[in-house]
Amino acid sequence: MTARKTEEQPQAAVRTQEYAAGTGWDVGQTAPEDAFRALDTADFATPTGPVVHEHPGGHARQVVIKGGLITEGVKRELDAAEQSEQG
């Protein structure tokens, strides 16, 4: 009996489905709106006060733009603002 020669067929490539991240303020989500924090008028470097969703006027830092990815750094900034509000 002769052995049948089998040709190896390449594996089918399956594309993973990509889904848009959810909207919210958790890491990996997209920001539902802009987030700003005012900067201290003494050195214009230290963020102060709460997170606001429209530019507060004067000197401010934009933490994230609407539709932007919430990263670890953005989340840390948002959490710091929340802590300063409660403190």
PDB file of N, CA and C in Angstrom:
ATOM      1  N   MET A   1       0.822  -1.174   0.000  1.00  0.00           N
ATOM      2  CA  MET A   1       0.000   0.000   0.000  1.00  0.00           C
ATOM      3  C   MET A   1       0.878   1.255   0.000  1.00  0.00           C
ATOM      4  N   THR A   2       0.494   2.185  -0.789  1.00  0.00           N
ATOM      5  CA  THR A   2       1.257   3.416  -0.887  1.00  0.00           C
ATOM      6  C   THR A   2       0.647   4.452   0.045  1.00  0.00           C
ATOM      7  N   ALA A   3       1.494   5.123   0.790  1.00  0.00           N
ATOM      8  CA  ALA A   3       1.006   6.174   1.693  1.00  0.00           C
ATOM      9  C   ALA A   3       0.577   7.374   0.872  1.00  0.00           C
ATOM     10  N   ARG A   4      -0.548   7.942   1.239  1.00  0.00           N
ATOM     11  CA  ARG A   4      -1.030   9.133   0.531  1.00  0.00           C
ATOM     12  C   ARG A   4      -0.267  10.355   1.017  1.00  0.00           C
ATOM     13  N   LYS A   5       0.167  11.109   0.102  1.00  0.00           N
ATOM     14  CA  LYS A   5       0.858  12.335   0.457  1.00  0.00           C
ATOM     15  C   LYS A   5      -0.210  13.405   0.707  1.00  0.00           C
ATOM     16  N   THR A   6      -0.173  13.960   1.882  1.00  0.00           N
ATOM     17  CA  THR A   6      -1.153  15.010   2.194  1.00  0.00           C
ATOM     18  C   THR A   6      -0.448  16.361   2.162  1.00  0.00           C
ATOM     19  N   GLU A   7      -1.098  17.274   1.585  1.00  0.00           N
ATOM     20  CA  GLU A   7      -0.544  18.623   1.562  1.00  0.00           C
ATOM     21  C   GLU A   7      -1.043  19.356   2.788  1.00  0.00           C
ATOM     22  N   GLU A   8      -0.116  20.023   3.417  1.00  0.00           N
ATOM     23  CA  GLU A   8      -0.520  20.800   4.587  1.00  0.00           C
ATOM     24  C   GLU A   8      -1.188  22.075   4.101  1.00  0.00           C
ATOM     25  N   GLN A   9      -2.332  22.292   4.618  1.00  0.00           N
ATOM     26  CA  GLN A   9      -3.046  23.501   4.248  1.00  0.00           C
ATOM     27  C   GLN A   9      -2.838  24.541   5.338  1.00  0.00           C
ATOM     28  N   PRO A  10      -2.641  25.774   4.941  1.00  0.00           N
ATOM     29  CA  PRO A  10      -2.424  26.819   5.952  1.00  0.00           C
ATOM     30  C   PRO A  10      -3.662  26.981   6.833  1.00  0.00           C
ATOM     31  N   GLN A  11      -3.395  27.312   8.066  1.00  0.00           N
ATOM     32  CA  GLN A  11      -4.494  27.571   9.002  1.00  0.00           C
ATOM     33  C   GLN A  11      -5.231  28.833   8.565  1.00  0.00           C
ATOM     34  N   ALA A  12      -6.504  28.803   8.726  1.00  0.00           N
ATOM     35  CA  ALA A  12      -7.298  29.985   8.390  1.00  0.00           C
ATOM     36  C   ALA A  12      -7.024  31.071   9.421  1.00  0.00           C
ATOM     37  N   ALA A  13      -6.796  32.255   8.961  1.00  0.00           N
ATOM     38  CA  ALA A  13      -6.573  33.379   9.870  1.00  0.00           C
ATOM     39  C   ALA A  13      -7.933  33.949  10.260  1.00  0.00           C
ATOM     40  N   VAL A  14      -8.153  33.998  11.524  1.00  0.00           N
ATOM     41  CA  VAL A  14      -9.413  34.533  12.018  1.00  0.00           C
ATOM     42  C   VAL A  14      -9.131  35.907  12.606  1.00  0.00           C
ATOM     43  N   ARG A  15      -9.738  36.905  12.028  1.00  0.00           N
ATOM     44  CA  ARG A  15      -9.574  38.257  12.561  1.00  0.00           C
ATOM     45  C   ARG A  15     -10.400  38.415  13.807  1.00  0.00           C
ATOM     46  N   THR A  16      -9.793  38.967  14.800  1.00  0.00           N
ATOM     47  CA  THR A  16     -10.560  39.223  16.015  1.00  0.00           C
ATOM     48  C   THR A  16     -11.470  40.407  15.781  1.00  0.00           C
ATOM     49  N   GLN A  17     -12.612  40.349  16.357  1.00  0.00           N
ATOM     50  CA  GLN A  17     -13.568  41.442  16.231  1.00  0.00           C
ATOM     51  C   GLN A  17     -13.141  42.574  17.153  1.00  0.00           C
ATOM     52  N   GLU A  18     -13.097  43.751  16.638  1.00  0.00           N
ATOM     53  CA  GLU A  18     -12.739  44.891  17.464  1.00  0.00           C
ATOM     54  C   GLU A  18     -14.012  45.643  17.826  1.00  0.00           C
ATOM     55  N   TYR A  19     -14.146  45.916  19.082  1.00  0.00           N
ATOM     56  CA  TYR A  19     -15.310  46.644  19.581  1.00  0.00           C
ATOM     57  C   TYR A  19     -14.849  47.975  20.146  1.00  0.00           C
ATOM     58  N   ALA A  20     -15.643  48.955  19.963  1.00  0.00           N
ATOM     59  CA  ALA A  20     -15.332  50.248  20.553  1.00  0.00           C
ATOM     60  C   ALA A  20     -15.429  50.125  22.067  1.00  0.00           C
ATOM     61  N   ALA A  21     -14.515  50.797  22.745  1.00  0.00           N
ATOM     62  CA  ALA A  21     -14.548  50.781  24.206  1.00  0.00           C
ATOM     63  C   ALA A  21     -15.816  51.470  24.687  1.00  0.00           C
ATOM     64  N   GLY A  22     -16.262  51.083  25.833  1.00  0.00           N
ATOM     65  CA  GLY A  22     -17.437  51.723  26.413  1.00  0.00           C
ATOM     66  C   GLY A  22     -17.147  53.173  26.753  1.00  0.00           C
ATOM     67  N   THR A  23     -18.180  53.920  26.966  1.00  0.00           N
ATOM     68  CA  THR A  23     -18.028  55.318  27.332  1.00  0.00           C
ATOM     69  C   THR A  23     -18.121  55.446  28.834  1.00  0.00           C
ATOM     70  N   GLY A  24     -17.189  56.160  29.428  1.00  0.00           N
ATOM     71  CA  GLY A  24     -17.193  56.347  30.870  1.00  0.00           C
ATOM     72  C   GLY A  24     -15.850  56.864  31.341  1.00  0.00           C
ATOM     73  N   TRP A  25     -15.651  56.831  32.630  1.00  0.00           N
ATOM     74  CA  TRP A  25     -14.450  57.401  33.223  1.00  0.00           C
ATOM     75  C   TRP A  25     -13.496  56.337  33.750  1.00  0.00           C
ATOM     76  N   ASP A  26     -13.654  55.078  33.345  1.00  0.00           N
ATOM     77  CA  ASP A  26     -12.740  54.021  33.766  1.00  0.00           C
ATOM     78  C   ASP A  26     -11.652  53.816  32.721  1.00  0.00           C
ATOM     79  N   VAL A  27     -10.503  53.295  33.151  1.00  0.00           N
ATOM     80  CA  VAL A  27      -9.382  53.041  32.247  1.00  0.00           C
ATOM     81  C   VAL A  27      -9.843  52.166  31.085  1.00  0.00           C
ATOM     82  N   GLY A  28      -9.476  52.579  29.872  1.00  0.00           N
ATOM     83  CA  GLY A  28      -9.830  51.840  28.678  1.00  0.00           C
ATOM     84  C   GLY A  28     -11.116  52.316  28.019  1.00  0.00           C
ATOM     85  N   GLN A  29     -11.869  53.147  28.697  1.00  0.00           N
ATOM     86  CA  GLN A  29     -13.110  53.666  28.125  1.00  0.00           C
ATOM     87  C   GLN A  29     -12.838  54.987  27.413  1.00  0.00           C
ATOM     88  N   THR A  30     -13.821  55.455  26.666  1.00  0.00           N
ATOM     89  CA  THR A  30     -13.698  56.759  26.020  1.00  0.00           C
ATOM     90  C   THR A  30     -14.435  57.801  26.859  1.00  0.00           C
ATOM     91  N   ALA A  31     -13.811  58.953  26.979  1.00  0.00           N
ATOM     92  CA  ALA A  31     -14.363  60.019  27.822  1.00  0.00           C
ATOM     93  C   ALA A  31     -15.672  60.548  27.240  1.00  0.00           C
ATOM     94  N   PRO A  32     -16.711  60.652  28.069  1.00  0.00           N
ATOM     95  CA  PRO A  32     -17.993  61.147  27.581  1.00  0.00           C
ATOM     96  C   PRO A  32     -18.005  62.655  27.329  1.00  0.00           C
ATOM     97  N   GLU A  33     -17.052  63.380  27.921  1.00  0.00           N
ATOM     98  CA  GLU A  33     -16.959  64.820  27.699  1.00  0.00           C
ATOM     99  C   GLU A  33     -15.568  65.306  28.077  1.00  0.00           C
ATOM    100  N   ASP A  34     -15.261  66.543  27.726  1.00  0.00           N
ATOM    101  CA  ASP A  34     -13.971  67.129  28.076  1.00  0.00           C
ATOM    102  C   ASP A  34     -13.832  67.206  29.590  1.00  0.00           C
ATOM    103  N   ALA A  35     -12.590  67.181  30.065  1.00  0.00           N
ATOM    104  CA  ALA A  35     -12.328  67.354  31.495  1.00  0.00           C
ATOM    105  C   ALA A  35     -11.151  68.304  31.663  1.00  0.00           C
ATOM    106  N   PHE A  36     -11.349  69.332  32.483  1.00  0.00           N
ATOM    107  CA  PHE A  36     -10.326  70.340  32.760  1.00  0.00           C
ATOM    108  C   PHE A  36     -10.136  70.459  34.269  1.00  0.00           C
ATOM    109  N   ARG A  37      -8.944  70.935  34.653  1.00  0.00           N
ATOM    110  CA  ARG A  37      -8.705  71.346  36.043  1.00  0.00           C
ATOM    111  C   ARG A  37      -8.006  72.690  36.006  1.00  0.00           C
ATOM    112  N   ALA A  38      -8.434  73.581  36.878  1.00  0.00           N
ATOM    113  CA  ALA A  38      -7.784  74.892  36.983  1.00  0.00           C
ATOM    114  C   ALA A  38      -6.383  74.707  37.544  1.00  0.00           C
ATOM    115  N   LEU A  39      -5.484  75.637  37.205  1.00  0.00           N
ATOM    116  CA  LEU A  39      -4.121  75.594  37.720  1.00  0.00           C
ATOM    117  C   LEU A  39      -3.944  76.683  38.763  1.00  0.00           C
ATOM    118  N   ASP A  40      -3.130  76.392  39.771  1.00  0.00           N
ATOM    119  CA  ASP A  40      -2.837  77.326  40.856  1.00  0.00           C
ATOM    120  C   ASP A  40      -2.239  78.609  40.272  1.00  0.00           C
ATOM    121  N   THR A  41      -2.742  79.748  40.700  1.00  0.00           N
ATOM    122  CA  THR A  41      -2.270  81.015  40.145  1.00  0.00           C
ATOM    123  C   THR A  41      -0.867  81.378  40.619  1.00  0.00           C
ATOM    124  N   ALA A  42      -0.352  80.733  41.664  1.00  0.00           N
ATOM    125  CA  ALA A  42       0.997  81.038  42.152  1.00  0.00           C
ATOM    126  C   ALA A  42       2.074  80.526  41.194  1.00  0.00           C
ATOM    127  N   ASP A  43       1.914  79.289  40.691  1.00  0.00           N
ATOM    128  CA  ASP A  43       2.956  78.742  39.817  1.00  0.00           C
ATOM    129  C   ASP A  43       2.416  78.228  38.484  1.00  0.00           C
ATOM    130  N   PHE A  44       1.133  78.259  38.294  1.00  0.00           N
ATOM    131  CA  PHE A  44       0.469  77.796  37.069  1.00  0.00           C
ATOM    132  C   PHE A  44       0.861  76.364  36.684  1.00  0.00           C
ATOM    133  N   ALA A  45       1.245  75.567  37.666  1.00  0.00           N
ATOM    134  CA  ALA A  45       1.635  74.188  37.389  1.00  0.00           C
ATOM    135  C   ALA A  45       0.845  73.191  38.217  1.00  0.00           C
ATOM    136  N   THR A  46       0.381  73.619  39.376  1.00  0.00           N
ATOM    137  CA  THR A  46      -0.314  72.712  40.278  1.00  0.00           C
ATOM    138  C   THR A  46      -1.813  72.749  40.014  1.00  0.00           C
ATOM    139  N   PRO A  47      -2.381  71.584  39.625  1.00  0.00           N
ATOM    140  CA  PRO A  47      -3.838  71.568  39.417  1.00  0.00           C
ATOM    141  C   PRO A  47      -4.573  71.724  40.745  1.00  0.00           C
ATOM    142  N   THR A  48      -5.634  72.503  40.717  1.00  0.00           N
ATOM    143  CA  THR A  48      -6.423  72.714  41.929  1.00  0.00           C
ATOM    144  C   THR A  48      -7.903  72.575  41.595  1.00  0.00           C
ATOM    145  N   GLY A  49      -8.664  72.331  42.616  1.00  0.00           N
ATOM    146  CA  GLY A  49     -10.103  72.304  42.453  1.00  0.00           C
ATOM    147  C   GLY A  49     -10.633  71.070  41.747  1.00  0.00           C
ATOM    148  N   PRO A  50     -11.911  71.090  41.476  1.00  0.00           N
ATOM    149  CA  PRO A  50     -12.584  69.929  40.884  1.00  0.00           C
ATOM    150  C   PRO A  50     -12.360  69.823  39.379  1.00  0.00           C
ATOM    151  N   VAL A  51     -12.749  68.711  38.834  1.00  0.00           N
ATOM    152  CA  VAL A  51     -12.772  68.535  37.387  1.00  0.00           C
ATOM    153  C   VAL A  51     -14.025  69.223  36.876  1.00  0.00           C
ATOM    154  N   VAL A  52     -13.850  70.047  35.839  1.00  0.00           N
ATOM    155  CA  VAL A  52     -14.992  70.702  35.211  1.00  0.00           C
ATOM    156  C   VAL A  52     -14.999  70.304  33.743  1.00  0.00           C
ATOM    157  N   HIS A  53     -16.128  70.443  33.093  1.00  0.00           N
ATOM    158  CA  HIS A  53     -16.272  69.951  31.729  1.00  0.00           C
ATOM    159  C   HIS A  53     -16.282  71.050  30.677  1.00  0.00           C
ATOM    160  N   GLU A  54     -16.063  72.286  31.116  1.00  0.00           N
ATOM    161  CA  GLU A  54     -15.839  73.411  30.211  1.00  0.00           C
ATOM    162  C   GLU A  54     -14.643  74.162  30.759  1.00  0.00           C
ATOM    163  N   HIS A  55     -13.880  74.800  29.874  1.00  0.00           N
ATOM    164  CA  HIS A  55     -12.688  75.514  30.321  1.00  0.00           C
ATOM    165  C   HIS A  55     -13.086  76.516  31.395  1.00  0.00           C
ATOM    166  N   PRO A  56     -12.421  76.465  32.559  1.00  0.00           N
ATOM    167  CA  PRO A  56     -12.825  77.335  33.665  1.00  0.00           C
ATOM    168  C   PRO A  56     -12.338  78.774  33.533  1.00  0.00           C
ATOM    169  N   GLY A  57     -11.633  79.101  32.472  1.00  0.00           N
ATOM    170  CA  GLY A  57     -11.090  80.445  32.321  1.00  0.00           C
ATOM    171  C   GLY A  57      -9.751  80.531  33.033  1.00  0.00           C
ATOM    172  N   GLY A  58      -8.962  81.511  32.693  1.00  0.00           N
ATOM    173  CA  GLY A  58      -7.631  81.629  33.284  1.00  0.00           C
ATOM    174  C   GLY A  58      -6.749  80.482  32.835  1.00  0.00           C
ATOM    175  N   HIS A  59      -5.909  80.029  33.728  1.00  0.00           N
ATOM    176  CA  HIS A  59      -4.999  78.931  33.403  1.00  0.00           C
ATOM    177  C   HIS A  59      -5.627  77.612  33.837  1.00  0.00           C
ATOM    178  N   ALA A  60      -5.631  76.670  32.926  1.00  0.00           N
ATOM    179  CA  ALA A  60      -6.222  75.355  33.220  1.00  0.00           C
ATOM    180  C   ALA A  60      -5.511  74.298  32.403  1.00  0.00           C
ATOM    181  N   ARG A  61      -5.605  73.069  32.879  1.00  0.00           N
ATOM    182  CA  ARG A  61      -5.049  71.927  32.151  1.00  0.00           C
ATOM    183  C   ARG A  61      -6.204  71.076  31.663  1.00  0.00           C
ATOM    184  N   GLN A  62      -6.136  70.690  30.393  1.00  0.00           N
ATOM    185  CA  GLN A  62      -7.139  69.774  29.875  1.00  0.00           C
ATOM    186  C   GLN A  62      -6.665  68.366  30.188  1.00  0.00           C
ATOM    187  N   VAL A  63      -7.441  67.652  30.972  1.00  0.00           N
ATOM    188  CA  VAL A  63      -7.080  66.303  31.396  1.00  0.00           C
ATOM    189  C   VAL A  63      -7.344  65.315  30.273  1.00  0.00           C
ATOM    190  N   VAL A  64      -8.490  65.431  29.626  1.00  0.00           N
ATOM    191  CA  VAL A  64      -8.853  64.537  28.518  1.00  0.00           C
ATOM    192  C   VAL A  64      -9.898  65.232  27.652  1.00  0.00           C
ATOM    193  N   ILE A  65      -9.888  64.897  26.363  1.00  0.00           N
ATOM    194  CA  ILE A  65     -10.896  65.453  25.467  1.00  0.00           C
ATOM    195  C   ILE A  65     -12.043  64.453  25.301  1.00  0.00           C
ATOM    196  N   LYS A  66     -13.192  64.958  24.922  1.00  0.00           N
ATOM    197  CA  LYS A  66     -14.351  64.093  24.684  1.00  0.00           C
ATOM    198  C   LYS A  66     -13.989  63.058  23.625  1.00  0.00           C
ATOM    199  N   GLY A  67     -14.241  61.806  23.925  1.00  0.00           N
ATOM    200  CA  GLY A  67     -13.916  60.726  23.000  1.00  0.00           C
ATOM    201  C   GLY A  67     -12.505  60.203  23.146  1.00  0.00           C
ATOM    202  N   GLY A  68     -11.704  60.851  24.008  1.00  0.00           N
ATOM    203  CA  GLY A  68     -10.329  60.413  24.236  1.00  0.00           C
ATOM    204  C   GLY A  68     -10.294  59.172  25.120  1.00  0.00           C
ATOM    205  N   LEU A  69      -9.201  58.447  25.036  1.00  0.00           N
ATOM    206  CA  LEU A  69      -9.025  57.234  25.827  1.00  0.00           C
ATOM    207  C   LEU A  69      -8.679  57.576  27.271  1.00  0.00           C
ATOM    208  N   ILE A  70      -9.354  56.945  28.200  1.00  0.00           N
ATOM    209  CA  ILE A  70      -9.021  57.110  29.613  1.00  0.00           C
ATOM    210  C   ILE A  70      -7.842  56.185  29.898  1.00  0.00           C
ATOM    211  N   THR A  71      -6.685  56.790  30.162  1.00  0.00           N
ATOM    212  CA  THR A  71      -5.471  56.032  30.467  1.00  0.00           C
ATOM    213  C   THR A  71      -5.266  56.006  31.977  1.00  0.00           C
ATOM    214  N   GLU A  72      -4.231  55.297  32.407  1.00  0.00           N
ATOM    215  CA  GLU A  72      -3.908  55.258  33.839  1.00  0.00           C
ATOM    216  C   GLU A  72      -3.637  56.675  34.356  1.00  0.00           C
ATOM    217  N   GLY A  73      -2.898  57.473  33.573  1.00  0.00           N
ATOM    218  CA  GLY A  73      -2.573  58.842  33.985  1.00  0.00           C
ATOM    219  C   GLY A  73      -3.800  59.726  34.101  1.00  0.00           C
ATOM    220  N   VAL A  74      -4.697  59.610  33.150  1.00  0.00           N
ATOM    221  CA  VAL A  74      -5.947  60.388  33.191  1.00  0.00           C
ATOM    222  C   VAL A  74      -6.756  59.981  34.410  1.00  0.00           C
ATOM    223  N   LYS A  75      -6.873  58.684  34.641  1.00  0.00           N
ATOM    224  CA  LYS A  75      -7.644  58.186  35.789  1.00  0.00           C
ATOM    225  C   LYS A  75      -7.038  58.691  37.097  1.00  0.00           C
ATOM    226  N   ARG A  76      -5.697  58.681  37.161  1.00  0.00           N
ATOM    227  CA  ARG A  76      -5.008  59.163  38.366  1.00  0.00           C
ATOM    228  C   ARG A  76      -5.336  60.640  38.608  1.00  0.00           C
ATOM    229  N   GLU A  77      -5.326  61.430  37.549  1.00  0.00           N
ATOM    230  CA  GLU A  77      -5.645  62.863  37.664  1.00  0.00           C
ATOM    231  C   GLU A  77      -7.095  63.067  38.109  1.00  0.00           C
ATOM    232  N   LEU A  78      -8.011  62.307  37.528  1.00  0.00           N
ATOM    233  CA  LEU A  78      -9.426  62.418  37.907  1.00  0.00           C
ATOM    234  C   LEU A  78      -9.624  62.022  39.367  1.00  0.00           C
ATOM    235  N   ASP A  79      -8.960  60.951  39.786  1.00  0.00           N
ATOM    236  CA  ASP A  79      -9.072  60.495  41.175  1.00  0.00           C
ATOM    237  C   ASP A  79      -8.470  61.524  42.139  1.00  0.00           C
ATOM    238  N   ALA A  80      -7.351  62.148  41.742  1.00  0.00           N
ATOM    239  CA  ALA A  80      -6.735  63.165  42.581  1.00  0.00           C
ATOM    240  C   ALA A  80      -7.664  64.360  42.756  1.00  0.00           C
ATOM    241  N   ALA A  81      -8.351  64.720  41.689  1.00  0.00           N
ATOM    242  CA  ALA A  81      -9.291  65.851  41.768  1.00  0.00           C
ATOM    243  C   ALA A  81     -10.439  65.502  42.707  1.00  0.00           C
ATOM    244  N   GLU A  82     -10.919  64.275  42.621  1.00  0.00           N
ATOM    245  CA  GLU A  82     -12.013  63.843  43.492  1.00  0.00           C
ATOM    246  C   GLU A  82     -11.572  63.852  44.954  1.00  0.00           C
ATOM    247  N   GLN A  83     -10.344  63.422  45.207  1.00  0.00           N
ATOM    248  CA  GLN A  83      -9.822  63.416  46.577  1.00  0.00           C
ATOM    249  C   GLN A  83      -9.669  64.827  47.120  1.00  0.00           C
ATOM    250  N   SER A  84      -9.241  65.768  46.272  1.00  0.00           N
ATOM    251  CA  SER A  84      -9.073  67.151  46.736  1.00  0.00           C
ATOM    252  C   SER A  84     -10.434  67.782  47.029  1.00  0.00           C
ATOM    253  N   GLU A  85     -11.466  67.354  46.330  1.00  0.00           N
ATOM    254  CA  GLU A  85     -12.822  67.864  46.595  1.00  0.00           C
ATOM    255  C   GLU A  85     -13.312  67.383  47.947  1.00  0.00           C
ATOM    256  N   GLN A  86     -13.037  66.107  48.242  1.00  0.00           N
ATOM    257  CA  GLN A  86     -13.521  65.515  49.492  1.00  0.00           C
ATOM    258  C   GLN A  86     -12.693  65.952  50.688  1.00  0.00           C
ATOM    259  N   GLY A  87     -11.412  66.250  50.446  1.00  0.00           N
ATOM    260  CA  GLY A  87     -10.479  66.568  51.527  1.00  0.00           C
ATOM    261  C   GLY A  87     -10.725  67.889  52.089  1.00  0.00           C
TER     262      GLY A  87
END
